[in-house]
Amino acid sequence: MKIFPAIDLRDGDVVRLLKGDYNQMTVYGENPLEVAEEFEDAGAEFLHVVDLDGAIDGSTPNFAAVKEIIEGTGLKVEIGGGIRSEEIIVDYAQIGALRVILGTMAIKDPEFTARMIKKHGRNVAVGVDISDGRVAIKGWTEVTDKTVDEMCQELIDYGVRTIICTDISKDGAMEGTNIDLYRQLVEQYGDYVDIIASGGISTMDDLEKLHEIGVDGVIIGRALYNGALDLAEVMDRFA
């Protein structure tokens, strides 16, 4: 099971939101590279980065910070937030990103999404962010009518290889993760696509259960920043 410590970027700072609410934001650091280096020192191989500013308006205001992390560490970095053109996909590929994560575009422009998946293969993943069973977009500020199952099936038909699924109601709340959701996703789609779980992972028990279910990877955010989970211990147990 791959372990992805998370860095969310807002105005160049490392932050965490509560349940996707930009008005409930905690700043954990002003130097993203230093945070990434700490994760690497703890044994991390992968890193999940979200440009929260870009997620809202489709720009890449934190591109320089992501580039600095990639160049300054040996971490395999996936990046989401504001990936709405092939130019941005190529820009991140050129600085050495492991893959980009499409979110809003997967709903707004299915043709573009299918074309990017076909053209760039494993370098393009899709984030399916869930609010009450529906897919949310634009930095979780807009909830669509698309269900999780409808979205996942469409993406598999496009040929996507990795789906990152976040239960927004759990994200940052330190209340545990949605085990039933990820069990269902792995059972239904695990033979066709890698499922990465995100949102609310806050204990070793959460990780044990997700490992048993068979998710390909997990994203851990706030639990690392507040000390509920020790990354070195997590890496020693699961990576």
C-alpha atoms as a PDB file:
ATOM      1  CA  MET A   1       0.000   0.000   0.000  1.00  0.00           C
ATOM      2  CA  LYS A   2       1.506   3.303  -1.086  1.00  0.00           C
ATOM      3  CA  ILE A   3       1.633   6.096   1.488  1.00  0.00           C
ATOM      4  CA  PHE A   4       1.112   9.657   0.248  1.00  0.00           C
ATOM      5  CA  PRO A   5       1.710  12.358   2.854  1.00  0.00           C
ATOM      6  CA  ALA A   6      -0.152  15.445   1.711  1.00  0.00           C
ATOM      7  CA  ILE A   7       0.805  19.052   1.196  1.00  0.00           C
ATOM      8  CA  ASP A   8      -2.004  21.479   0.400  1.00  0.00           C
ATOM      9  CA  LEU A   9      -0.838  24.863  -0.856  1.00  0.00           C
ATOM     10  CA  ARG A  10      -2.604  28.198  -0.398  1.00  0.00           C
ATOM     11  CA  ASP A  11      -0.808  31.462  -1.107  1.00  0.00           C
ATOM     12  CA  GLY A  12       2.480  29.565  -0.917  1.00  0.00           C
ATOM     13  CA  ASP A  13       1.784  28.196   2.573  1.00  0.00           C
ATOM     14  CA  VAL A  14       1.218  24.609   3.707  1.00  0.00           C
ATOM     15  CA  VAL A  15      -2.370  24.442   4.956  1.00  0.00           C
ATOM     16  CA  ARG A  16      -5.201  22.040   5.748  1.00  0.00           C
ATOM     17  CA  LEU A  17      -8.898  22.674   5.256  1.00  0.00           C
ATOM     18  CA  LEU A  18     -11.712  21.244   7.364  1.00  0.00           C
ATOM     19  CA  LYS A  19     -14.162  19.321   5.166  1.00  0.00           C
ATOM     20  CA  GLY A  20     -13.074  21.327   2.145  1.00  0.00           C
ATOM     21  CA  ASP A  21     -14.091  24.656   3.667  1.00  0.00           C
ATOM     22  CA  TYR A  22     -11.696  27.430   2.646  1.00  0.00           C
ATOM     23  CA  ASN A  23     -12.973  29.461   5.596  1.00  0.00           C
ATOM     24  CA  GLN A  24     -11.796  26.771   8.020  1.00  0.00           C
ATOM     25  CA  MET A  25      -8.123  26.685   7.131  1.00  0.00           C
ATOM     26  CA  THR A  26      -5.135  26.014   9.353  1.00  0.00           C
ATOM     27  CA  VAL A  27      -1.651  27.103   8.272  1.00  0.00           C
ATOM     28  CA  TYR A  28       1.010  24.540   9.192  1.00  0.00           C
ATOM     29  CA  GLY A  29       4.060  26.041   7.527  1.00  0.00           C
ATOM     30  CA  GLU A  30       5.391  28.734   5.258  1.00  0.00           C
ATOM     31  CA  ASN A  31       8.045  26.609   3.516  1.00  0.00           C
ATOM     32  CA  PRO A  32       6.602  23.694   1.492  1.00  0.00           C
ATOM     33  CA  LEU A  33      10.057  22.359   0.623  1.00  0.00           C
ATOM     34  CA  GLU A  34      10.986  22.002   4.292  1.00  0.00           C
ATOM     35  CA  VAL A  35       7.779  20.061   4.967  1.00  0.00           C
ATOM     36  CA  ALA A  36       8.461  17.799   1.985  1.00  0.00           C
ATOM     37  CA  GLU A  37      12.010  17.199   3.199  1.00  0.00           C
ATOM     38  CA  GLU A  38      10.686  16.182   6.619  1.00  0.00           C
ATOM     39  CA  PHE A  39       8.378  13.667   4.960  1.00  0.00           C
ATOM     40  CA  GLU A  40      11.254  12.306   2.904  1.00  0.00           C
ATOM     41  CA  ASP A  41      13.459  12.022   5.991  1.00  0.00           C
ATOM     42  CA  ALA A  42      10.689   9.961   7.614  1.00  0.00           C
ATOM     43  CA  GLY A  43      10.887   7.473   4.754  1.00  0.00           C
ATOM     44  CA  ALA A  44       8.244   8.736   2.333  1.00  0.00           C
ATOM     45  CA  GLU A  45       8.619   7.807  -1.312  1.00  0.00           C
ATOM     46  CA  PHE A  46       5.508   9.556  -2.623  1.00  0.00           C
ATOM     47  CA  LEU A  47       3.921  12.969  -2.050  1.00  0.00           C
ATOM     48  CA  HIS A  48       0.421  14.243  -2.781  1.00  0.00           C
ATOM     49  CA  VAL A  49       0.249  17.982  -3.484  1.00  0.00           C
ATOM     50  CA  VAL A  50      -2.861  20.094  -4.060  1.00  0.00           C
ATOM     51  CA  ASP A  51      -2.812  23.671  -5.307  1.00  0.00           C
ATOM     52  CA  LEU A  52      -5.903  24.983  -3.519  1.00  0.00           C
ATOM     53  CA  ASP A  53      -5.707  28.334  -5.267  1.00  0.00           C
ATOM     54  CA  GLY A  54      -5.542  26.648  -8.651  1.00  0.00           C
ATOM     55  CA  ALA A  55      -8.449  24.370  -7.766  1.00  0.00           C
ATOM     56  CA  ILE A  56     -10.724  27.388  -7.624  1.00  0.00           C
ATOM     57  CA  ASP A  57      -9.734  29.301 -10.725  1.00  0.00           C
ATOM     58  CA  GLY A  58      -7.788  26.857 -12.915  1.00  0.00           C
ATOM     59  CA  SER A  59      -4.466  28.672 -12.661  1.00  0.00           C
ATOM     60  CA  THR A  60      -1.130  27.455 -11.274  1.00  0.00           C
ATOM     61  CA  PRO A  61      -0.095  30.105  -8.727  1.00  0.00           C
ATOM     62  CA  ASN A  62       1.872  27.576  -6.663  1.00  0.00           C
ATOM     63  CA  PHE A  63       3.753  26.047  -9.595  1.00  0.00           C
ATOM     64  CA  ALA A  64       7.103  27.366  -8.351  1.00  0.00           C
ATOM     65  CA  ALA A  65       6.600  25.734  -4.955  1.00  0.00           C
ATOM     66  CA  VAL A  66       5.801  22.381  -6.562  1.00  0.00           C
ATOM     67  CA  LYS A  67       8.855  22.688  -8.810  1.00  0.00           C
ATOM     68  CA  GLU A  68      11.041  23.421  -5.800  1.00  0.00           C
ATOM     69  CA  ILE A  69       9.784  20.302  -4.023  1.00  0.00           C
ATOM     70  CA  ILE A  70      10.406  18.086  -7.049  1.00  0.00           C
ATOM     71  CA  GLU A  71      13.882  19.488  -7.626  1.00  0.00           C
ATOM     72  CA  GLY A  72      14.796  19.590  -3.936  1.00  0.00           C
ATOM     73  CA  THR A  73      13.754  16.056  -2.969  1.00  0.00           C
ATOM     74  CA  GLY A  74      13.653  12.559  -4.392  1.00  0.00           C
ATOM     75  CA  LEU A  75       9.913  12.266  -3.781  1.00  0.00           C
ATOM     76  CA  LYS A  76       7.553  11.070  -6.494  1.00  0.00           C
ATOM     77  CA  VAL A  77       5.077  13.938  -6.586  1.00  0.00           C
ATOM     78  CA  GLU A  78       1.498  13.835  -7.820  1.00  0.00           C
ATOM     79  CA  ILE A  79      -0.156  17.218  -8.199  1.00  0.00           C
ATOM     80  CA  GLY A  80      -3.785  18.285  -8.406  1.00  0.00           C
ATOM     81  CA  GLY A  81      -5.681  21.552  -8.349  1.00  0.00           C
ATOM     82  CA  GLY A  82      -6.259  23.644 -11.440  1.00  0.00           C
ATOM     83  CA  ILE A  83      -5.242  21.044 -14.037  1.00  0.00           C
ATOM     84  CA  ARG A  84      -7.521  22.213 -16.822  1.00  0.00           C
ATOM     85  CA  SER A  85      -5.373  22.308 -19.942  1.00  0.00           C
ATOM     86  CA  GLU A  86      -2.867  20.071 -21.696  1.00  0.00           C
ATOM     87  CA  GLU A  87      -0.313  22.858 -21.383  1.00  0.00           C
ATOM     88  CA  ILE A  88      -0.427  22.558 -17.595  1.00  0.00           C
ATOM     89  CA  ILE A  89      -0.156  18.760 -17.814  1.00  0.00           C
ATOM     90  CA  VAL A  90       2.942  19.113 -19.975  1.00  0.00           C
ATOM     91  CA  ASP A  91       4.416  21.805 -17.729  1.00  0.00           C
ATOM     92  CA  TYR A  92       4.205  19.539 -14.687  1.00  0.00           C
ATOM     93  CA  ALA A  93       5.556  16.575 -16.650  1.00  0.00           C
ATOM     94  CA  GLN A  94       8.538  18.644 -17.739  1.00  0.00           C
ATOM     95  CA  ILE A  95       9.518  19.434 -14.141  1.00  0.00           C
ATOM     96  CA  GLY A  96       9.330  15.742 -13.237  1.00  0.00           C
ATOM     97  CA  ALA A  97       5.923  15.253 -11.614  1.00  0.00           C
ATOM     98  CA  LEU A  98       4.874  11.624 -11.234  1.00  0.00           C
ATOM     99  CA  ARG A  99       1.405  12.465 -12.512  1.00  0.00           C
ATOM    100  CA  VAL A 100      -1.232  15.164 -12.560  1.00  0.00           C
ATOM    101  CA  ILE A 101      -4.715  14.765 -11.119  1.00  0.00           C
ATOM    102  CA  LEU A 102      -7.704  15.971 -13.090  1.00  0.00           C
ATOM    103  CA  GLY A 103     -10.770  16.918 -11.094  1.00  0.00           C
ATOM    104  CA  THR A 104     -13.102  19.618 -12.346  1.00  0.00           C
ATOM    105  CA  MET A 105     -12.297  18.877 -15.998  1.00  0.00           C
ATOM    106  CA  ALA A 106     -13.412  15.264 -15.618  1.00  0.00           C
ATOM    107  CA  ILE A 107     -16.938  16.629 -15.117  1.00  0.00           C
ATOM    108  CA  LYS A 108     -16.829  19.798 -17.187  1.00  0.00           C
ATOM    109  CA  ASP A 109     -15.085  18.374 -20.247  1.00  0.00           C
ATOM    110  CA  PRO A 110     -15.277  14.564 -20.522  1.00  0.00           C
ATOM    111  CA  GLU A 111     -13.885  14.635 -24.070  1.00  0.00           C
ATOM    112  CA  PHE A 112     -10.771  16.462 -22.911  1.00  0.00           C
ATOM    113  CA  THR A 113     -10.397  14.078 -19.992  1.00  0.00           C
ATOM    114  CA  ALA A 114     -10.690  10.983 -22.186  1.00  0.00           C
ATOM    115  CA  ARG A 115      -8.186  12.434 -24.649  1.00  0.00           C
ATOM    116  CA  MET A 116      -5.642  13.309 -21.959  1.00  0.00           C
ATOM    117  CA  ILE A 117      -5.929   9.855 -20.384  1.00  0.00           C
ATOM    118  CA  LYS A 118      -5.422   8.211 -23.764  1.00  0.00           C
ATOM    119  CA  LYS A 119      -2.509  10.479 -24.685  1.00  0.00           C
ATOM    120  CA  HIS A 120      -0.664  10.657 -21.360  1.00  0.00           C
ATOM    121  CA  GLY A 121      -1.585   7.288 -19.851  1.00  0.00           C
ATOM    122  CA  ARG A 122      -0.462   6.724 -16.271  1.00  0.00           C
ATOM    123  CA  ASN A 123       0.696  10.338 -16.060  1.00  0.00           C
ATOM    124  CA  VAL A 124      -2.941  11.380 -15.647  1.00  0.00           C
ATOM    125  CA  ALA A 125      -5.040  10.348 -12.649  1.00  0.00           C
ATOM    126  CA  VAL A 126      -8.496  11.605 -11.736  1.00  0.00           C
ATOM    127  CA  GLY A 127      -9.680  12.836  -8.373  1.00  0.00           C
ATOM    128  CA  VAL A 128     -13.266  11.946  -7.508  1.00  0.00           C
ATOM    129  CA  ASP A 129     -14.290  14.127  -4.572  1.00  0.00           C
ATOM    130  CA  ILE A 130     -17.536  13.100  -2.912  1.00  0.00           C
ATOM    131  CA  SER A 131     -20.162  15.074  -1.038  1.00  0.00           C
ATOM    132  CA  ASP A 132     -23.208  13.035   0.061  1.00  0.00           C
ATOM    133  CA  GLY A 133     -22.688  10.553  -2.734  1.00  0.00           C
ATOM    134  CA  ARG A 134     -22.258  13.208  -5.433  1.00  0.00           C
ATOM    135  CA  VAL A 135     -19.123  14.450  -7.149  1.00  0.00           C
ATOM    136  CA  ALA A 136     -17.860  17.889  -6.111  1.00  0.00           C
ATOM    137  CA  ILE A 137     -15.673  20.151  -8.257  1.00  0.00           C
ATOM    138  CA  LYS A 138     -13.980  23.574  -8.292  1.00  0.00           C
ATOM    139  CA  GLY A 139     -12.099  23.046  -5.072  1.00  0.00           C
ATOM    140  CA  TRP A 140     -15.176  21.357  -3.555  1.00  0.00           C
ATOM    141  CA  THR A 141     -17.179  24.577  -3.903  1.00  0.00           C
ATOM    142  CA  GLU A 142     -19.723  23.085  -6.344  1.00  0.00           C
ATOM    143  CA  VAL A 143     -21.570  19.762  -6.014  1.00  0.00           C
ATOM    144  CA  THR A 144     -22.751  18.144  -9.255  1.00  0.00           C
ATOM    145  CA  ASP A 145     -25.531  15.624  -9.959  1.00  0.00           C
ATOM    146  CA  LYS A 146     -22.986  12.952 -10.936  1.00  0.00           C
ATOM    147  CA  THR A 147     -22.850   9.933  -8.633  1.00  0.00           C
ATOM    148  CA  VAL A 148     -19.641   8.226  -7.596  1.00  0.00           C
ATOM    149  CA  ASP A 149     -20.521   5.063  -9.502  1.00  0.00           C
ATOM    150  CA  GLU A 150     -21.378   6.958 -12.671  1.00  0.00           C
ATOM    151  CA  MET A 151     -18.111   8.859 -12.481  1.00  0.00           C
ATOM    152  CA  CYS A 152     -15.928   5.821 -11.804  1.00  0.00           C
ATOM    153  CA  GLN A 153     -17.495   3.804 -14.609  1.00  0.00           C
ATOM    154  CA  GLU A 154     -16.989   6.632 -17.093  1.00  0.00           C
ATOM    155  CA  LEU A 155     -13.364   7.018 -16.087  1.00  0.00           C
ATOM    156  CA  ILE A 156     -12.676   3.312 -16.439  1.00  0.00           C
ATOM    157  CA  ASP A 157     -14.254   3.424 -19.894  1.00  0.00           C
ATOM    158  CA  TYR A 158     -11.792   6.224 -20.732  1.00  0.00           C
ATOM    159  CA  GLY A 159      -8.904   3.997 -19.629  1.00  0.00           C
ATOM    160  CA  VAL A 160      -7.846   5.792 -16.453  1.00  0.00           C
ATOM    161  CA  ARG A 161      -5.445   3.785 -14.291  1.00  0.00           C
ATOM    162  CA  THR A 162      -5.679   5.654 -10.970  1.00  0.00           C
ATOM    163  CA  ILE A 163      -8.674   7.166  -9.180  1.00  0.00           C
ATOM    164  CA  ILE A 164      -8.128   9.214  -6.031  1.00  0.00           C
ATOM    165  CA  CYS A 165     -11.327   9.242  -4.034  1.00  0.00           C
ATOM    166  CA  THR A 166     -11.953  11.737  -1.224  1.00  0.00           C
ATOM    167  CA  ASP A 167     -14.946  11.776   1.106  1.00  0.00           C
ATOM    168  CA  ILE A 168     -15.181  15.512   1.771  1.00  0.00           C
ATOM    169  CA  SER A 169     -17.277  15.029   4.904  1.00  0.00           C
ATOM    170  CA  LYS A 170     -14.342  13.201   6.485  1.00  0.00           C
ATOM    171  CA  ASP A 171     -11.490  15.321   5.180  1.00  0.00           C
ATOM    172  CA  GLY A 172      -9.512  17.059   7.899  1.00  0.00           C
ATOM    173  CA  ALA A 173     -12.082  16.154  10.558  1.00  0.00           C
ATOM    174  CA  MET A 174      -9.968  13.532  12.377  1.00  0.00           C
ATOM    175  CA  GLU A 175     -13.089  11.374  12.733  1.00  0.00           C
ATOM    176  CA  GLY A 176     -11.897   8.334  10.817  1.00  0.00           C
ATOM    177  CA  THR A 177     -12.258   7.463   7.160  1.00  0.00           C
ATOM    178  CA  ASN A 178     -15.157   6.031   5.147  1.00  0.00           C
ATOM    179  CA  ILE A 179     -14.193   2.353   5.140  1.00  0.00           C
ATOM    180  CA  ASP A 180     -17.473   1.216   3.570  1.00  0.00           C
ATOM    181  CA  LEU A 181     -17.007   3.559   0.626  1.00  0.00           C
ATOM    182  CA  TYR A 182     -13.508   2.325  -0.168  1.00  0.00           C
ATOM    183  CA  ARG A 183     -14.495  -1.313   0.302  1.00  0.00           C
ATOM    184  CA  GLN A 184     -17.273  -0.823  -2.237  1.00  0.00           C
ATOM    185  CA  LEU A 185     -14.973   0.945  -4.698  1.00  0.00           C
ATOM    186  CA  VAL A 186     -12.286  -1.737  -4.482  1.00  0.00           C
ATOM    187  CA  GLU A 187     -14.825  -4.533  -4.842  1.00  0.00           C
ATOM    188  CA  GLN A 188     -16.494  -2.932  -7.853  1.00  0.00           C
ATOM    189  CA  TYR A 189     -13.571  -1.352  -9.655  1.00  0.00           C
ATOM    190  CA  GLY A 190     -10.342  -2.644  -8.129  1.00  0.00           C
ATOM    191  CA  ASP A 191      -9.775  -5.098 -10.979  1.00  0.00           C
ATOM    192  CA  TYR A 192      -9.717  -2.226 -13.462  1.00  0.00           C
ATOM    193  CA  VAL A 193      -8.158   0.731 -11.686  1.00  0.00           C
ATOM    194  CA  ASP A 194      -5.968   1.596  -8.698  1.00  0.00           C
ATOM    195  CA  ILE A 195      -8.036   3.151  -5.899  1.00  0.00           C
ATOM    196  CA  ILE A 196      -6.347   5.677  -3.610  1.00  0.00           C
ATOM    197  CA  ALA A 197      -8.215   6.585  -0.434  1.00  0.00           C
ATOM    198  CA  SER A 198      -8.264  10.098   0.988  1.00  0.00           C
ATOM    199  CA  GLY A 199     -10.142  11.896   3.732  1.00  0.00           C
ATOM    200  CA  GLY A 200     -10.201  11.418   7.476  1.00  0.00           C
ATOM    201  CA  ILE A 201      -7.410   8.867   7.795  1.00  0.00           C
ATOM    202  CA  SER A 202      -6.275   9.517  11.353  1.00  0.00           C
ATOM    203  CA  THR A 203      -5.313   6.261  13.112  1.00  0.00           C
ATOM    204  CA  MET A 204      -3.286   3.133  12.515  1.00  0.00           C
ATOM    205  CA  ASP A 205      -6.598   1.261  12.677  1.00  0.00           C
ATOM    206  CA  ASP A 206      -7.851   3.263   9.683  1.00  0.00           C
ATOM    207  CA  LEU A 207      -4.731   2.265   7.812  1.00  0.00           C
ATOM    208  CA  GLU A 208      -5.010  -1.389   8.829  1.00  0.00           C
ATOM    209  CA  LYS A 209      -8.580  -1.556   7.545  1.00  0.00           C
ATOM    210  CA  LEU A 210      -7.734   0.159   4.260  1.00  0.00           C
ATOM    211  CA  HIS A 211      -4.784  -2.195   3.819  1.00  0.00           C
ATOM    212  CA  GLU A 212      -7.056  -5.183   4.371  1.00  0.00           C
ATOM    213  CA  ILE A 213      -9.566  -3.853   1.857  1.00  0.00           C
ATOM    214  CA  GLY A 214      -6.842  -3.643  -0.764  1.00  0.00           C
ATOM    215  CA  VAL A 215      -6.631   0.022  -1.709  1.00  0.00           C
ATOM    216  CA  ASP A 216      -3.547   0.810  -3.768  1.00  0.00           C
ATOM    217  CA  GLY A 217      -2.630   3.840  -1.682  1.00  0.00           C
ATOM    218  CA  VAL A 218      -3.710   6.260   1.021  1.00  0.00           C
ATOM    219  CA  ILE A 219      -3.333  10.010   1.415  1.00  0.00           C
ATOM    220  CA  ILE A 220      -2.641  11.297   4.918  1.00  0.00           C
ATOM    221  CA  GLY A 221      -2.868  14.972   5.784  1.00  0.00           C
ATOM    222  CA  ARG A 222      -3.905  16.568   9.051  1.00  0.00           C
ATOM    223  CA  ALA A 223      -3.085  13.459  11.127  1.00  0.00           C
ATOM    224  CA  LEU A 224       0.587  13.928  10.273  1.00  0.00           C
ATOM    225  CA  TYR A 225       0.575  17.626  11.072  1.00  0.00           C
ATOM    226  CA  ASN A 226      -1.067  17.327  14.476  1.00  0.00           C
ATOM    227  CA  GLY A 227       0.904  14.261  15.524  1.00  0.00           C
ATOM    228  CA  ALA A 228      -1.945  11.729  15.545  1.00  0.00           C
ATOM    229  CA  LEU A 229       0.106   9.594  13.157  1.00  0.00           C
ATOM    230  CA  ASP A 230       3.882   9.312  12.976  1.00  0.00           C
ATOM    231  CA  LEU A 231       4.966   9.011   9.358  1.00  0.00           C
ATOM    232  CA  ALA A 232       8.072   6.961  10.150  1.00  0.00           C
ATOM    233  CA  GLU A 233       5.927   4.407  11.994  1.00  0.00           C
ATOM    234  CA  VAL A 234       3.399   4.356   9.158  1.00  0.00           C
ATOM    235  CA  MET A 235       6.123   3.789   6.600  1.00  0.00           C
ATOM    236  CA  ASP A 236       7.680   1.030   8.663  1.00  0.00           C
ATOM    237  CA  ARG A 237       4.348  -0.786   8.927  1.00  0.00           C
ATOM    238  CA  PHE A 238       2.795  -0.352   5.506  1.00  0.00           C
ATOM    239  CA  ALA A 239       5.232   0.785   2.848  1.00  0.00           C
END
